[in-house]
Amino acid sequence: MRIERLEILRCDAGWRTFSFLKTATADGIVGWSEFNESFGSPGLARVIEELAPAVVGMDPRASELIVAKLHVLTRQSRGGVIQQAIAAIENAVLDVRAKAAGVPVCALFGGPLRTRIPVYWSHFGTYRVGGRRGAELPRIRTLDELAKHAAEVKALGFRALKTNILRIGPDGALGQFAPGFGRHAGWPELNWDNALLAEMRAQLAAIREAVGPEMGIHLDLNFHFRTEGFIRMAEAVAPFGLTWLEIDTHDPGALADIRRRAPCPVASCETLHGRRDFRPYFEAQAMDVPIVDVVWNGLGESVKIAAMADAYELNCAPHNFYGHLSSAISAHFCAAIPNFRVMEIDIDSVAWRDELVLAPPVIEDGAFVLPTAPGWGVEPNEAAIRARPPQG
């Protein structure tokens, strides 16, 4: 068996673009992966195209050899979009490898340890407050509407949700808050103030009152503060019994300091690449839950990161806010590792997301049902993808 060609496909996903890598073999088996170029990884598709000739002609069943070859070819520029490109190729190759063996991908890693993957509703309220192109979603304008939506999420069987900080205007209207990504006022200083603390408390109080004491609430602070601000935010969430406070920082010592002061578990590291990036965070005991992006790291590397985390008595959670294929890839990670916490998933999306795969994944009673078909078990609908070119 030999890899014959690799091809990139992109499609319109409303406010973003979904990107796919198709890997065809001379034997007629096609493997797929999904990668993310829309957020912080410009030029990723071009990097994949530049690396592709190095694996054409190789046996896809030797996935570790393929990954090792790509790493040695890019050793002087490891991490970043290089790692994400290698991950996209690895994940597509794993799909081929599993289909050739007639098994789900997680079986290549000794799984599944579980076939129902608990999930939390990610970006709760965020997309509906901001309004996103292509998303036919009810707009949320006030805390009362946010609380009503939280009750709806609970009624659908979800046992947890994750929200982002929302601003509350003088008229009570909700708005976006994302200075860490340069989208709103407050960048590059990334300072906090008492008004923001009060608004965040009001937001969490409305959600907690709507869902009751048992449902999990996660709060994602992203890169929106510096260490001082993260500490003040952590102090403010104490009354609300968060499942975790999610923080992005690239300083393991600072994160360890925040964790020591926080009144709840701290989750982090979703933007890291490879075991070498994760190691100083583990050694500093910087987080309670390491978050691993399987699309960025590749399933093989992600399983190795989870094995390191297991030695530090840490359970892992995948970073997953993409399309259905990425959700399946993340689910196989969750199924293959013993030290699993909970899986992120976006429910709010464009109206046509289900059309982009031949059979959408199933979520029952707050759990992602692991597909049993060979490979990832979620097959892209190539015709539907090609019918919706990116809109920019």
Protein backbone atom coordinates (compact mmCIF):
# COMPACT_ATOMS: atom_id res chain seq x y z
CA MET A 1 0.00 0.00 0.00
CA ARG A 2 1.32 3.41 -0.99
CA ILE A 3 0.16 7.00 -0.59
CA GLU A 4 -0.67 8.33 -4.03
CA ARG A 5 -1.71 11.95 -3.46
CA LEU A 6 -2.82 14.48 -0.86
CA GLU A 7 -5.43 17.12 -1.58
CA ILE A 8 -6.77 20.05 0.44
CA LEU A 9 -10.44 20.94 0.40
CA ARG A 10 -12.01 24.01 2.01
CA CYS A 11 -15.59 25.05 2.50
CA ASP A 12 -17.67 27.90 3.82
CA ALA A 13 -18.60 27.49 7.49
CA GLY A 14 -20.20 30.86 8.02
CA TRP A 15 -17.92 32.99 10.17
CA ARG A 16 -15.03 30.61 9.52
CA THR A 17 -13.69 28.07 7.04
CA PHE A 18 -13.61 24.30 7.51
CA SER A 19 -10.48 22.74 5.99
CA PHE A 20 -9.93 19.08 5.14
CA LEU A 21 -7.02 16.94 3.98
CA LYS A 22 -7.83 14.04 1.67
CA THR A 23 -5.18 11.32 1.41
CA ALA A 24 -5.65 8.77 -1.37
CA THR A 25 -3.80 5.49 -1.80
CA ALA A 26 -3.14 3.43 -4.89
CA ASP A 27 -5.33 0.73 -3.31
CA GLY A 28 -8.39 3.00 -3.39
CA ILE A 29 -8.54 3.72 0.37
CA VAL A 30 -9.07 7.38 1.20
CA GLY A 31 -8.17 8.89 4.55
CA TRP A 32 -9.40 12.21 5.89
CA SER A 33 -8.45 14.74 8.50
CA GLU A 34 -9.74 18.18 9.42
CA PHE A 35 -7.40 21.04 10.23
CA ASN A 36 -7.87 24.61 11.40
CA GLU A 37 -6.48 27.50 9.39
CA SER A 38 -9.12 30.07 10.36
CA PHE A 39 -7.78 30.97 13.80
CA GLY A 40 -4.13 31.88 14.21
CA SER A 41 -2.61 29.54 11.61
CA PRO A 42 -2.38 31.47 8.33
CA GLY A 43 -0.57 29.61 5.60
CA LEU A 44 -1.15 26.18 7.16
CA ALA A 45 -2.59 24.72 3.96
CA ARG A 46 0.50 25.82 2.04
CA VAL A 47 2.77 24.15 4.60
CA ILE A 48 0.82 20.91 4.23
CA GLU A 49 1.21 21.14 0.44
CA GLU A 50 4.96 21.69 0.81
CA LEU A 51 5.32 18.63 3.06
CA ALA A 52 3.06 16.36 1.03
CA PRO A 53 5.67 15.23 -1.56
CA ALA A 54 7.80 13.82 1.26
CA VAL A 55 5.15 11.21 2.10
CA VAL A 56 3.87 10.37 -1.38
CA GLY A 57 4.95 6.80 -2.10
CA MET A 58 5.23 5.84 1.57
CA ASP A 59 3.20 3.08 3.19
CA PRO A 60 0.41 4.75 5.23
CA ARG A 61 0.38 1.83 7.64
CA ALA A 62 3.78 3.02 8.90
CA SER A 63 2.31 6.16 10.45
CA GLU A 64 5.08 6.56 13.05
CA LEU A 65 7.72 6.45 10.32
CA ILE A 66 5.85 9.08 8.32
CA VAL A 67 5.63 11.38 11.35
CA ALA A 68 9.30 10.81 12.19
CA LYS A 69 10.33 11.66 8.64
CA LEU A 70 8.32 14.88 8.63
CA HIS A 71 9.79 15.91 11.96
CA VAL A 72 13.36 15.35 10.84
CA LEU A 73 12.73 17.35 7.66
CA THR A 74 11.45 20.29 9.72
CA ARG A 75 13.61 19.95 12.82
CA GLN A 76 14.94 23.50 12.66
CA SER A 77 11.41 24.97 12.68
CA ARG A 78 9.49 22.67 15.01
CA GLY A 79 6.12 23.56 16.49
CA GLY A 80 3.60 26.10 15.23
CA VAL A 81 2.14 25.57 11.79
CA ILE A 82 4.81 22.93 11.09
CA GLN A 83 3.41 20.73 13.87
CA GLN A 84 -0.15 21.43 12.77
CA ALA A 85 0.70 20.40 9.21
CA ILE A 86 2.32 17.19 10.41
CA ALA A 87 -0.74 16.55 12.57
CA ALA A 88 -3.10 16.94 9.61
CA ILE A 89 -1.07 14.46 7.59
CA GLU A 90 -0.77 12.04 10.50
CA ASN A 91 -4.50 12.10 11.24
CA ALA A 92 -5.38 11.44 7.59
CA VAL A 93 -2.86 8.60 7.47
CA LEU A 94 -4.34 7.08 10.63
CA ASP A 95 -7.75 7.08 8.95
CA VAL A 96 -6.25 5.13 6.03
CA ARG A 97 -4.45 2.77 8.37
CA ALA A 98 -7.56 1.99 10.40
CA LYS A 99 -9.73 1.54 7.30
CA ALA A 100 -7.18 -0.86 5.85
CA ALA A 101 -7.31 -2.88 9.08
CA GLY A 102 -11.12 -2.66 9.25
CA VAL A 103 -11.15 -1.10 12.73
CA PRO A 104 -11.90 2.27 14.34
CA VAL A 105 -8.83 4.48 14.76
CA CYS A 106 -8.83 4.19 18.56
CA ALA A 107 -8.32 0.42 18.19
CA LEU A 108 -4.84 1.19 16.82
CA PHE A 109 -4.07 2.66 20.26
CA GLY A 110 -5.55 -0.13 22.37
CA GLY A 111 -9.04 1.33 22.69
CA PRO A 112 -11.76 1.96 23.17
CA LEU A 113 -11.74 2.38 26.93
CA ARG A 114 -15.16 4.02 26.60
CA THR A 115 -17.69 4.34 23.80
CA ARG A 116 -19.83 7.16 25.21
CA ILE A 117 -17.84 10.37 25.62
CA PRO A 118 -19.26 12.99 28.04
CA VAL A 119 -19.26 16.39 26.38
CA TYR A 120 -19.82 19.99 27.40
CA TRP A 121 -21.57 22.63 25.27
CA SER A 122 -18.80 25.01 24.29
CA HIS A 123 -19.06 28.74 23.50
CA PHE A 124 -22.34 28.84 25.36
CA GLY A 125 -23.97 32.16 24.52
CA THR A 126 -20.87 33.50 22.80
CA TYR A 127 -21.91 32.92 19.19
CA ARG A 128 -25.51 33.94 19.93
CA VAL A 129 -24.54 37.22 21.58
CA GLY A 130 -22.14 38.24 18.84
CA GLY A 131 -24.20 37.06 15.89
CA ARG A 132 -22.24 35.06 13.34
CA ARG A 133 -22.52 34.97 9.56
CA GLY A 134 -24.32 31.86 8.35
CA ALA A 135 -25.53 30.79 11.77
CA GLU A 136 -29.31 30.72 12.06
CA LEU A 137 -29.25 31.03 15.84
CA PRO A 138 -31.60 32.92 18.16
CA ARG A 139 -29.88 36.12 19.26
CA ILE A 140 -29.20 36.58 22.98
CA ARG A 141 -29.30 40.18 24.14
CA THR A 142 -29.82 40.11 27.92
CA LEU A 143 -28.91 38.07 30.99
CA ASP A 144 -32.49 36.83 31.19
CA GLU A 145 -32.22 35.43 27.67
CA LEU A 146 -28.83 33.91 28.54
CA ALA A 147 -30.34 32.20 31.59
CA LYS A 148 -33.23 30.87 29.51
CA HIS A 149 -30.78 29.40 27.03
CA ALA A 150 -28.81 27.77 29.86
CA ALA A 151 -31.98 26.04 31.02
CA GLU A 152 -32.56 24.85 27.44
CA VAL A 153 -29.06 23.35 27.27
CA LYS A 154 -29.70 21.48 30.50
CA ALA A 155 -33.08 20.24 29.24
CA LEU A 156 -31.33 18.81 26.15
CA GLY A 157 -29.38 16.46 28.44
CA PHE A 158 -26.06 18.27 28.63
CA ARG A 159 -24.42 18.07 32.03
CA ALA A 160 -21.97 20.91 31.48
CA LEU A 161 -21.43 24.07 29.47
CA LYS A 162 -18.58 26.48 28.90
CA THR A 163 -19.04 30.20 28.48
CA ASN A 164 -16.82 33.19 27.76
CA ILE A 165 -16.81 36.60 29.42
CA LEU A 166 -19.57 38.86 28.13
CA ARG A 167 -19.81 42.62 28.68
CA ILE A 168 -23.05 44.10 30.00
CA GLY A 169 -23.88 47.54 28.65
CA PRO A 170 -25.66 50.37 30.53
CA ASP A 171 -28.94 49.25 28.94
CA GLY A 172 -28.36 45.61 29.96
CA ALA A 173 -27.41 44.53 26.44
CA LEU A 174 -24.76 41.82 26.24
CA GLY A 175 -21.67 42.22 24.12
CA GLN A 176 -18.47 40.43 23.19
CA PHE A 177 -15.19 40.63 25.12
CA ALA A 178 -12.03 39.45 23.41
CA PRO A 179 -9.12 41.88 23.88
CA GLY A 180 -6.64 38.99 24.03
CA PHE A 181 -7.34 38.35 20.35
CA GLY A 182 -7.16 42.06 19.48
CA ARG A 183 -10.88 42.21 18.68
CA HIS A 184 -12.08 44.62 21.35
CA ALA A 185 -10.88 47.53 23.46
CA GLY A 186 -8.30 46.69 26.10
CA TRP A 187 -5.55 45.32 23.87
CA PRO A 188 -2.56 45.29 24.25
CA GLU A 189 -2.73 46.25 27.94
CA LEU A 190 -5.08 43.38 28.93
CA ASN A 191 -6.04 45.05 32.21
CA TRP A 192 -8.97 44.22 34.49
CA ASP A 193 -11.28 46.59 36.36
CA ASN A 194 -13.98 46.33 39.00
CA ALA A 195 -16.80 46.88 36.52
CA LEU A 196 -15.68 43.84 34.53
CA LEU A 197 -15.50 41.73 37.70
CA ALA A 198 -19.06 42.73 38.60
CA GLU A 199 -20.36 41.92 35.12
CA MET A 200 -18.68 38.52 35.14
CA ARG A 201 -20.22 37.69 38.53
CA ALA A 202 -23.66 38.69 37.24
CA GLN A 203 -23.20 36.48 34.16
CA LEU A 204 -22.17 33.44 36.19
CA ALA A 205 -24.91 34.02 38.76
CA ALA A 206 -27.57 34.07 36.04
CA ILE A 207 -26.28 30.81 34.55
CA ARG A 208 -25.93 29.05 37.91
CA GLU A 209 -29.42 30.03 39.00
CA ALA A 210 -30.84 28.71 35.72
CA VAL A 211 -29.11 25.32 35.73
CA GLY A 212 -28.92 24.54 39.45
CA PRO A 213 -26.02 23.34 41.58
CA GLU A 214 -25.24 20.03 39.86
CA MET A 215 -24.58 21.11 36.29
CA GLY A 216 -20.99 21.84 35.36
CA ILE A 217 -20.03 25.39 34.43
CA HIS A 218 -16.69 26.17 32.79
CA LEU A 219 -15.43 29.71 32.21
CA ASP A 220 -12.86 30.38 29.49
CA LEU A 221 -10.73 33.50 30.02
CA ASN A 222 -8.63 32.82 26.90
CA PHE A 223 -5.66 35.24 26.59
CA HIS A 224 -7.68 38.22 27.80
CA PHE A 225 -5.58 39.14 30.86
CA ARG A 226 -2.09 39.08 32.23
CA THR A 227 -1.21 37.21 35.41
CA GLU A 228 -2.57 39.87 37.74
CA GLY A 229 -5.91 39.92 35.94
CA PHE A 230 -6.20 36.14 35.84
CA ILE A 231 -5.70 36.05 39.61
CA ARG A 232 -8.41 38.65 40.19
CA MET A 233 -10.81 36.79 37.90
CA ALA A 234 -10.06 33.54 39.71
CA GLU A 235 -10.84 35.13 43.07
CA ALA A 236 -14.16 36.44 41.72
CA VAL A 237 -15.51 33.05 40.55
CA ALA A 238 -15.34 31.40 43.98
CA PRO A 239 -19.12 31.48 44.73
CA PHE A 240 -20.16 29.72 41.52
CA GLY A 241 -18.61 26.24 41.87
CA LEU A 242 -16.90 26.14 38.49
CA THR A 243 -15.83 22.80 37.03
CA TRP A 244 -12.79 24.66 35.81
CA LEU A 245 -11.43 28.09 35.03
CA GLU A 246 -9.73 28.00 31.64
CA ILE A 247 -6.67 30.19 31.14
CA ASP A 248 -4.28 30.66 28.24
CA THR A 249 -0.77 31.77 29.11
CA HIS A 250 2.60 30.71 27.78
CA ASP A 251 4.39 31.02 31.12
CA PRO A 252 4.20 27.82 33.20
CA GLY A 253 5.42 29.59 36.35
CA ALA A 254 2.73 32.26 36.09
CA LEU A 255 0.06 29.62 35.51
CA ALA A 256 1.28 27.65 38.54
CA ASP A 257 0.97 30.82 40.64
CA ILE A 258 -2.59 31.36 39.39
CA ARG A 259 -3.48 27.75 40.11
CA ARG A 260 -2.23 28.00 43.70
CA ARG A 261 -4.51 31.00 44.32
CA ALA A 262 -7.57 29.85 42.37
CA PRO A 263 -10.61 28.56 44.31
CA CYS A 264 -11.42 26.04 41.55
CA PRO A 265 -9.58 23.73 39.14
CA VAL A 266 -7.58 25.39 36.38
CA ALA A 267 -7.46 24.06 32.82
CA SER A 268 -4.93 25.19 30.22
CA CYS A 269 -2.42 24.39 27.46
CA GLU A 270 -4.75 24.08 24.46
CA THR A 271 -2.34 26.12 22.30
CA LEU A 272 0.75 23.98 23.01
CA HIS A 273 2.45 21.71 20.51
CA GLY A 274 4.02 18.40 21.45
CA ARG A 275 5.36 16.80 24.61
CA ARG A 276 8.26 19.25 24.86
CA ASP A 277 5.84 22.16 25.19
CA PHE A 278 3.73 20.39 27.81
CA ARG A 279 6.62 19.14 29.95
CA PRO A 280 7.47 22.40 31.80
CA TYR A 281 3.78 22.86 32.69
CA PHE A 282 3.62 19.35 34.14
CA GLU A 283 6.85 19.87 36.06
CA ALA A 284 5.56 23.17 37.48
CA GLN A 285 2.23 21.54 38.46
CA ALA A 286 0.69 24.46 36.62
CA MET A 287 -2.79 23.10 35.85
CA ASP A 288 -5.40 20.61 37.03
CA VAL A 289 -6.60 19.67 33.53
CA PRO A 290 -4.26 19.80 30.53
CA ILE A 291 -6.17 20.56 27.33
CA VAL A 292 -4.78 18.90 24.20
CA ASP A 293 -5.69 19.96 20.67
CA VAL A 294 -5.71 16.69 18.72
CA VAL A 295 -6.13 18.52 15.43
CA TRP A 296 -2.98 20.56 16.09
CA ASN A 297 -0.89 17.76 17.59
CA GLY A 298 -2.06 14.65 15.77
CA LEU A 299 -3.64 11.71 17.57
CA GLY A 300 -0.37 9.82 18.01
CA GLU A 301 1.38 12.76 19.68
CA SER A 302 -1.75 13.58 21.69
CA VAL A 303 -1.85 10.07 23.15
CA LYS A 304 1.80 10.47 24.15
CA ILE A 305 1.03 13.81 25.82
CA ALA A 306 -1.79 12.12 27.72
CA ALA A 307 0.59 9.37 28.84
CA MET A 308 2.90 12.04 30.28
CA ALA A 309 -0.05 13.68 32.01
CA ASP A 310 -1.06 10.34 33.48
CA ALA A 311 2.30 10.12 35.23
CA TYR A 312 1.43 13.40 36.97
CA GLU A 313 -2.06 12.14 37.94
CA LEU A 314 -3.77 14.51 35.52
CA ASN A 315 -6.82 13.86 33.36
CA CYS A 316 -6.87 15.38 29.86
CA ALA A 317 -9.56 17.10 27.83
CA PRO A 318 -9.45 17.80 24.09
CA HIS A 319 -9.67 21.26 22.58
CA ASN A 320 -12.40 20.86 19.98
CA PHE A 321 -14.45 23.67 18.46
CA TYR A 322 -14.31 22.74 14.78
CA GLY A 323 -16.46 20.55 12.51
CA HIS A 324 -17.90 17.07 12.81
CA LEU A 325 -14.77 15.28 11.58
CA SER A 326 -12.65 17.02 14.20
CA SER A 327 -15.18 16.00 16.85
CA ALA A 328 -14.78 12.38 15.77
CA ILE A 329 -10.98 12.69 15.86
CA SER A 330 -11.16 14.15 19.37
CA ALA A 331 -13.59 11.43 20.44
CA HIS A 332 -11.13 8.72 19.41
CA PHE A 333 -8.52 10.44 21.59
CA CYS A 334 -10.98 10.41 24.50
CA ALA A 335 -11.71 6.74 23.86
CA ALA A 336 -8.06 5.71 23.70
CA ILE A 337 -6.64 7.27 26.88
CA PRO A 338 -7.30 6.17 30.47
CA ASN A 339 -6.96 9.67 31.97
CA PHE A 340 -9.91 11.39 30.31
CA ARG A 341 -11.87 14.30 31.83
CA VAL A 342 -14.56 15.63 29.44
CA MET A 343 -14.79 16.55 25.76
CA GLU A 344 -15.44 20.00 24.34
CA ILE A 345 -17.91 20.32 21.46
CA ASP A 346 -19.55 23.19 19.59
CA ILE A 347 -23.28 22.67 19.11
CA ASP A 348 -23.99 26.10 17.68
CA SER A 349 -22.77 26.22 14.10
CA VAL A 350 -23.88 26.96 10.56
CA ALA A 351 -27.14 25.41 9.45
CA TRP A 352 -25.42 23.27 6.80
CA ARG A 353 -22.73 21.66 9.00
CA ASP A 354 -24.49 18.28 9.02
CA GLU A 355 -24.48 18.24 5.22
CA LEU A 356 -20.68 18.24 5.17
CA VAL A 357 -20.49 14.63 6.39
CA LEU A 358 -22.30 11.53 5.16
CA ALA A 359 -23.72 10.83 8.63
CA PRO A 360 -23.50 13.36 11.47
CA PRO A 361 -22.23 12.10 14.84
CA VAL A 362 -24.76 11.25 17.52
CA ILE A 363 -25.01 12.94 20.92
CA GLU A 364 -27.25 11.21 23.45
CA ASP A 365 -27.91 12.30 27.02
CA GLY A 366 -24.90 14.59 27.06
CA ALA A 367 -22.50 12.05 25.54
CA PHE A 368 -20.87 11.73 22.11
CA VAL A 369 -21.49 8.20 20.83
CA LEU A 370 -18.22 6.84 19.46
CA PRO A 371 -18.65 5.69 15.84
CA THR A 372 -17.92 2.01 15.22
CA ALA A 373 -17.15 2.13 11.49
CA PRO A 374 -13.53 1.69 10.36
CA GLY A 375 -11.42 4.83 10.49
CA TRP A 376 -12.78 7.92 12.19
CA GLY A 377 -16.33 6.74 11.56
CA VAL A 378 -17.38 10.17 10.29
CA GLU A 379 -16.85 10.47 6.55
CA PRO A 380 -16.77 13.87 4.83
CA ASN A 381 -19.29 14.48 2.08
CA GLU A 382 -16.89 15.58 -0.63
CA ALA A 383 -19.60 16.80 -3.00
CA ALA A 384 -21.19 18.98 -0.31
CA ILE A 385 -17.80 20.41 0.70
CA ARG A 386 -16.97 21.32 -2.89
CA ALA A 387 -20.40 22.86 -3.38
CA ARG A 388 -19.71 25.48 -0.67
CA PRO A 389 -16.46 27.30 -1.47
CA PRO A 390 -15.04 29.55 1.24
CA GLN A 391 -16.50 33.04 1.45
CA GLY A 392 -13.52 34.66 3.16
